[in-house]
PDB file of N, CA and C in Angstrom:
ATOM      1  N   MET A   1     -26.461  16.925  -6.972  1.00  0.00           N
ATOM      2  CA  MET A   1     -27.113  17.801  -6.214  1.00  0.00           C
ATOM      3  C   MET A   1     -26.352  17.751  -4.975  1.00  0.00           C
ATOM      4  N   ALA A   2     -25.670  19.235  -4.382  1.00  0.00           N
ATOM      5  CA  ALA A   2     -24.873  19.245  -3.315  1.00  0.00           C
ATOM      6  C   ALA A   2     -25.731  19.365  -2.233  1.00  0.00           C
ATOM      7  N   THR A   3     -25.658  18.920  -1.121  1.00  0.00           N
ATOM      8  CA  THR A   3     -26.180  19.241   0.167  1.00  0.00           C
ATOM      9  C   THR A   3     -25.056  20.298   0.952  1.00  0.00           C
ATOM     10  N   LYS A   4     -26.030  21.036   1.948  1.00  0.00           N
ATOM     11  CA  LYS A   4     -24.930  21.790   2.562  1.00  0.00           C
ATOM     12  C   LYS A   4     -25.200  21.313   4.170  1.00  0.00           C
ATOM     13  N   SER A   5     -24.191  21.532   4.931  1.00  0.00           N
ATOM     14  CA  SER A   5     -23.838  20.722   5.943  1.00  0.00           C
ATOM     15  C   SER A   5     -24.885  21.932   7.154  1.00  0.00           C
ATOM     16  N   LYS A   6     -25.226  21.662   7.876  1.00  0.00           N
ATOM     17  CA  LYS A   6     -25.839  22.746   8.353  1.00  0.00           C
ATOM     18  C   LYS A   6     -25.212  23.426   9.974  1.00  0.00           C
ATOM     19  N   SER A   7     -23.977  22.923  10.202  1.00  0.00           N
ATOM     20  CA  SER A   7     -23.050  23.127  11.033  1.00  0.00           C
ATOM     21  C   SER A   7     -21.740  23.224  10.350  1.00  0.00           C
ATOM     22  N   ASP A   8     -21.039  23.878  10.587  1.00  0.00           N
ATOM     23  CA  ASP A   8     -19.263  23.954  10.030  1.00  0.00           C
ATOM     24  C   ASP A   8     -18.636  22.917  11.035  1.00  0.00           C
ATOM     25  N   TRP A   9     -19.153  22.181  11.984  1.00  0.00           N
ATOM     26  CA  TRP A   9     -18.043  21.016  12.983  1.00  0.00           C
ATOM     27  C   TRP A   9     -17.957  19.710  12.030  1.00  0.00           C
ATOM     28  N   GLY A  10     -18.971  19.701  10.904  1.00  0.00           N
ATOM     29  CA  GLY A  10     -19.035  18.263  10.070  1.00  0.00           C
ATOM     30  C   GLY A  10     -17.399  18.828   9.379  1.00  0.00           C
ATOM     31  N   ASN A  11     -17.906  19.899   8.536  1.00  0.00           N
ATOM     32  CA  ASN A  11     -16.579  20.303   7.933  1.00  0.00           C
ATOM     33  C   ASN A  11     -15.035  20.195   8.629  1.00  0.00           C
ATOM     34  N   ILE A  12     -15.276  20.853   9.908  1.00  0.00           N
ATOM     35  CA  ILE A  12     -13.629  20.912  10.725  1.00  0.00           C
ATOM     36  C   ILE A  12     -13.380  19.570  10.829  1.00  0.00           C
ATOM     37  N   PHE A  13     -14.740  18.368  11.417  1.00  0.00           N
ATOM     38  CA  PHE A  13     -13.838  16.829  11.366  1.00  0.00           C
ATOM     39  C   PHE A  13     -13.878  16.349  10.399  1.00  0.00           C
ATOM     40  N   SER A  14     -14.039  16.543   9.253  1.00  0.00           N
ATOM     41  CA  SER A  14     -13.876  15.944   7.687  1.00  0.00           C
ATOM     42  C   SER A  14     -12.552  16.420   7.337  1.00  0.00           C
ATOM     43  N   LEU A  15     -12.181  17.828   7.425  1.00  0.00           N
ATOM     44  CA  LEU A  15     -10.599  18.015   7.495  1.00  0.00           C
ATOM     45  C   LEU A  15      -9.843  17.416   8.315  1.00  0.00           C
ATOM     46  N   PHE A  16     -10.310  17.279   9.874  1.00  0.00           N
ATOM     47  CA  PHE A  16      -9.205  16.663  10.823  1.00  0.00           C
ATOM     48  C   PHE A  16      -8.881  15.327  10.176  1.00  0.00           C
ATOM     49  N   SER A  17     -10.193  14.480   9.716  1.00  0.00           N
ATOM     50  CA  SER A  17      -9.848  13.192   9.470  1.00  0.00           C
ATOM     51  C   SER A  17      -9.080  12.601   8.243  1.00  0.00           C
ATOM     52  N   ILE A  18      -8.789  13.627   7.117  1.00  0.00           N
ATOM     53  CA  ILE A  18      -8.406  13.739   5.845  1.00  0.00           C
ATOM     54  C   ILE A  18      -6.817  14.212   6.473  1.00  0.00           C
ATOM     55  N   CYS A  19      -6.654  15.074   7.556  1.00  0.00           N
ATOM     56  CA  CYS A  19      -5.260  15.220   7.763  1.00  0.00           C
ATOM     57  C   CYS A  19      -4.711  13.970   8.369  1.00  0.00           C
ATOM     58  N   ILE A  20      -5.514  13.598   9.262  1.00  0.00           N
ATOM     59  CA  ILE A  20      -5.093  12.281  10.243  1.00  0.00           C
ATOM     60  C   ILE A  20      -4.855  10.946   8.828  1.00  0.00           C
ATOM     61  N   ALA A  21      -5.495  11.075   7.851  1.00  0.00           N
ATOM     62  CA  ALA A  21      -5.253  10.023   6.930  1.00  0.00           C
ATOM     63  C   ALA A  21      -3.767  10.149   5.951  1.00  0.00           C
ATOM     64  N   ILE A  22      -3.756  11.478   5.910  1.00  0.00           N
ATOM     65  CA  ILE A  22      -2.566  11.856   5.017  1.00  0.00           C
ATOM     66  C   ILE A  22      -1.154  11.451   5.989  1.00  0.00           C
ATOM     67  N   VAL A  23      -1.252  11.962   7.149  1.00  0.00           N
ATOM     68  CA  VAL A  23      -0.148  11.595   8.060  1.00  0.00           C
ATOM     69  C   VAL A  23       0.223   9.999   8.487  1.00  0.00           C
ATOM     70  N   SER A  24      -0.790   9.390   8.511  1.00  0.00           N
ATOM     71  CA  SER A  24      -0.792   8.233   8.409  1.00  0.00           C
ATOM     72  C   SER A  24      -0.004   7.527   7.419  1.00  0.00           C
ATOM     73  N   ILE A  25      -0.492   7.775   6.363  1.00  0.00           N
ATOM     74  CA  ILE A  25      -0.143   7.357   4.984  1.00  0.00           C
ATOM     75  C   ILE A  25       1.493   7.376   4.868  1.00  0.00           C
ATOM     76  N   GLY A  26       1.688   8.770   5.249  1.00  0.00           N
ATOM     77  CA  GLY A  26       3.113   9.204   5.105  1.00  0.00           C
ATOM     78  C   GLY A  26       4.093   8.255   6.466  1.00  0.00           C
ATOM     79  N   TYR A  27       3.225   8.045   7.173  1.00  0.00           N
ATOM     80  CA  TYR A  27       4.079   7.562   8.408  1.00  0.00           C
ATOM     81  C   TYR A  27       4.446   6.168   7.881  1.00  0.00           C
ATOM     82  N   CYS A  28       3.440   5.342   7.394  1.00  0.00           N
ATOM     83  CA  CYS A  28       3.708   3.754   7.111  1.00  0.00           C
ATOM     84  C   CYS A  28       4.254   3.751   5.699  1.00  0.00           C
ATOM     85  N   PHE A  29       4.218   4.672   4.638  1.00  0.00           N
ATOM     86  CA  PHE A  29       4.767   4.686   3.458  1.00  0.00           C
ATOM     87  C   PHE A  29       6.413   4.303   3.426  1.00  0.00           C
ATOM     88  N   PRO A  30       7.359   4.193   4.133  1.00  0.00           N
ATOM     89  CA  PRO A  30       8.593   3.255   4.136  1.00  0.00           C
ATOM     90  C   PRO A  30       8.155   1.595   4.429  1.00  0.00           C
ATOM     91  N   TYR A  31       7.480   1.584   5.293  1.00  0.00           N
ATOM     92  CA  TYR A  31       6.913   0.293   5.346  1.00  0.00           C
ATOM     93  C   TYR A  31       6.254  -0.980   4.428  1.00  0.00           C
ATOM     94  N   ILE A  32       5.442   0.249   3.787  1.00  0.00           N
ATOM     95  CA  ILE A  32       4.547  -0.335   2.363  1.00  0.00           C
ATOM     96  C   ILE A  32       5.728  -0.615   1.551  1.00  0.00           C
ATOM     97  N   LEU A  33       6.691   0.217   1.249  1.00  0.00           N
ATOM     98  CA  LEU A  33       7.556   0.132   0.065  1.00  0.00           C
ATOM     99  C   LEU A  33       8.307  -1.076   0.522  1.00  0.00           C
ATOM    100  N   GLY A  34       8.801  -1.386   1.715  1.00  0.00           N
ATOM    101  CA  GLY A  34       9.803  -2.258   2.245  1.00  0.00           C
ATOM    102  C   GLY A  34       9.167  -3.477   2.015  1.00  0.00           C
ATOM    103  N   ILE A  35       7.630  -3.791   2.211  1.00  0.00           N
ATOM    104  CA  ILE A  35       6.838  -5.198   1.991  1.00  0.00           C
ATOM    105  C   ILE A  35       6.807  -5.285   0.605  1.00  0.00           C
ATOM    106  N   ILE A  36       6.509  -4.191  -0.401  1.00  0.00           N
ATOM    107  CA  ILE A  36       6.408  -4.244  -1.819  1.00  0.00           C
ATOM    108  C   ILE A  36       7.845  -4.868  -2.442  1.00  0.00           C
ATOM    109  N   GLU A  37       8.650  -4.171  -1.683  1.00  0.00           N
ATOM    110  CA  GLU A  37      10.350  -4.774  -2.290  1.00  0.00           C
ATOM    111  C   GLU A  37      10.386  -6.153  -1.778  1.00  0.00           C
ATOM    112  N   SER A  38      10.045  -6.613  -0.805  1.00  0.00           N
ATOM    113  CA  SER A  38      10.821  -7.968  -0.638  1.00  0.00           C
ATOM    114  C   SER A  38       9.644  -9.239  -1.266  1.00  0.00           C
ATOM    115  N   GLY A  39       8.567  -8.675  -1.018  1.00  0.00           N
ATOM    116  CA  GLY A  39       7.384  -9.513  -1.970  1.00  0.00           C
ATOM    117  C   GLY A  39       8.046  -9.704  -3.211  1.00  0.00           C
ATOM    118  N   TRP A  40       8.693  -8.354  -4.119  1.00  0.00           N
ATOM    119  CA  TRP A  40       9.042  -8.519  -5.405  1.00  0.00           C
ATOM    120  C   TRP A  40       9.875  -9.491  -5.527  1.00  0.00           C
ATOM    121  N   GLU A  41      11.328  -9.440  -4.497  1.00  0.00           N
ATOM    122  CA  GLU A  41      12.426 -10.028  -4.433  1.00  0.00           C
ATOM    123  C   GLU A  41      11.973 -11.586  -4.466  1.00  0.00           C
ATOM    124  N   ARG A  42      11.065 -12.200  -3.505  1.00  0.00           N
ATOM    125  CA  ARG A  42      10.473 -13.519  -3.085  1.00  0.00           C
ATOM    126  C   ARG A  42      10.066 -13.897  -4.518  1.00  0.00           C
ATOM    127  N   SER A  43       9.171 -13.254  -5.014  1.00  0.00           N
ATOM    128  CA  SER A  43       8.189 -13.742  -6.363  1.00  0.00           C
ATOM    129  C   SER A  43       9.579 -13.891  -7.660  1.00  0.00           C
ATOM    130  N   SER A  44      10.170 -12.976  -7.460  1.00  0.00           N
ATOM    131  CA  SER A  44      11.273 -13.196  -8.427  1.00  0.00           C
ATOM    132  C   SER A  44      12.050 -14.453  -8.371  1.00  0.00           C
ATOM    133  N   ARG A  45      12.511 -14.835  -7.014  1.00  0.00           N
ATOM    134  CA  ARG A  45      13.142 -16.027  -6.533  1.00  0.00           C
ATOM    135  C   ARG A  45      12.386 -17.347  -7.124  1.00  0.00           C
ATOM    136  N   ALA A  46      10.996 -17.054  -6.860  1.00  0.00           N
ATOM    137  CA  ALA A  46      10.184 -18.534  -6.967  1.00  0.00           C
ATOM    138  C   ALA A  46      10.123 -18.651  -8.641  1.00  0.00           C
ATOM    139  N   ILE A  47       9.874 -17.486  -9.351  1.00  0.00           N
ATOM    140  CA  ILE A  47       9.814 -17.600 -10.760  1.00  0.00           C
ATOM    141  C   ILE A  47      10.948 -18.191 -11.129  1.00  0.00           C
ATOM    142  N   ALA A  48      11.984 -17.952 -10.551  1.00  0.00           N
ATOM    143  CA  ALA A  48      13.621 -18.417 -11.496  1.00  0.00           C
ATOM    144  C   ALA A  48      13.699 -20.061 -10.877  1.00  0.00           C
ATOM    145  N   TYR A  49      13.181 -20.368  -9.637  1.00  0.00           N
ATOM    146  CA  TYR A  49      13.216 -21.905  -9.559  1.00  0.00           C
ATOM    147  C   TYR A  49      12.161 -22.682  -9.915  1.00  0.00           C
ATOM    148  N   PHE A  50      11.002 -22.285 -10.311  1.00  0.00           N
ATOM    149  CA  PHE A  50      10.578 -22.816 -10.921  1.00  0.00           C
ATOM    150  C   PHE A  50      10.679 -22.841 -12.717  1.00  0.00           C
ATOM    151  N   THR A  51      11.153 -21.872 -13.230  1.00  0.00           N
ATOM    152  CA  THR A  51      11.770 -21.754 -14.286  1.00  0.00           C
ATOM    153  C   THR A  51      12.810 -22.944 -14.576  1.00  0.00           C
ATOM    154  N   ARG A  52      13.892 -23.179 -13.369  1.00  0.00           N
ATOM    155  CA  ARG A  52      14.651 -24.365 -13.599  1.00  0.00           C
ATOM    156  C   ARG A  52      14.038 -25.384 -13.632  1.00  0.00           C
ATOM    157  N   ILE A  53      12.928 -25.955 -12.919  1.00  0.00           N
ATOM    158  CA  ILE A  53      12.489 -27.060 -12.606  1.00  0.00           C
ATOM    159  C   ILE A  53      11.957 -27.117 -13.852  1.00  0.00           C
ATOM    160  N   ILE A  54      11.129 -26.434 -14.770  1.00  0.00           N
ATOM    161  CA  ILE A  54      10.488 -26.866 -16.079  1.00  0.00           C
ATOM    162  C   ILE A  54      11.299 -27.103 -17.041  1.00  0.00           C
ATOM    163  N   ARG A  55      12.549 -26.105 -17.120  1.00  0.00           N
ATOM    164  CA  ARG A  55      13.565 -26.617 -17.811  1.00  0.00           C
ATOM    165  C   ARG A  55      14.618 -28.096 -17.883  1.00  0.00           C
ATOM    166  N   GLY A  56      14.297 -28.296 -16.788  1.00  0.00           N
ATOM    167  CA  GLY A  56      15.007 -29.765 -16.262  1.00  0.00           C
ATOM    168  C   GLY A  56      16.284 -29.539 -15.588  1.00  0.00           C
ATOM    169  N   GLY A  57      16.465 -28.340 -15.102  1.00  0.00           N
ATOM    170  CA  GLY A  57      17.661 -28.263 -14.365  1.00  0.00           C
ATOM    171  C   GLY A  57      17.557 -28.412 -12.748  1.00  0.00           C
ATOM    172  N   THR A  58      18.463 -28.523 -11.743  1.00  0.00           N
ATOM    173  CA  THR A  58      18.572 -28.772 -10.377  1.00  0.00           C
ATOM    174  C   THR A  58      18.038 -27.464 -10.106  1.00  0.00           C
ATOM    175  N   ALA A  59      17.085 -27.841  -9.040  1.00  0.00           N
ATOM    176  CA  ALA A  59      16.353 -26.897  -8.544  1.00  0.00           C
ATOM    177  C   ALA A  59      17.644 -26.581  -7.326  1.00  0.00           C
TER     178      ALA A  59
END
């Protein structure tokens, strides 16, 4: 069941907040990718390190 807003200001503020969210995601996206990338590299190094330890090699 849909509800109708009694004023158009609710719709305007909703659209404004959606626009702010889209702009903020677009602004932060390169930083988010950088964090994911560095986390992936660190995880790969840690996995390789533990694999060497388990196989009996030198760490």
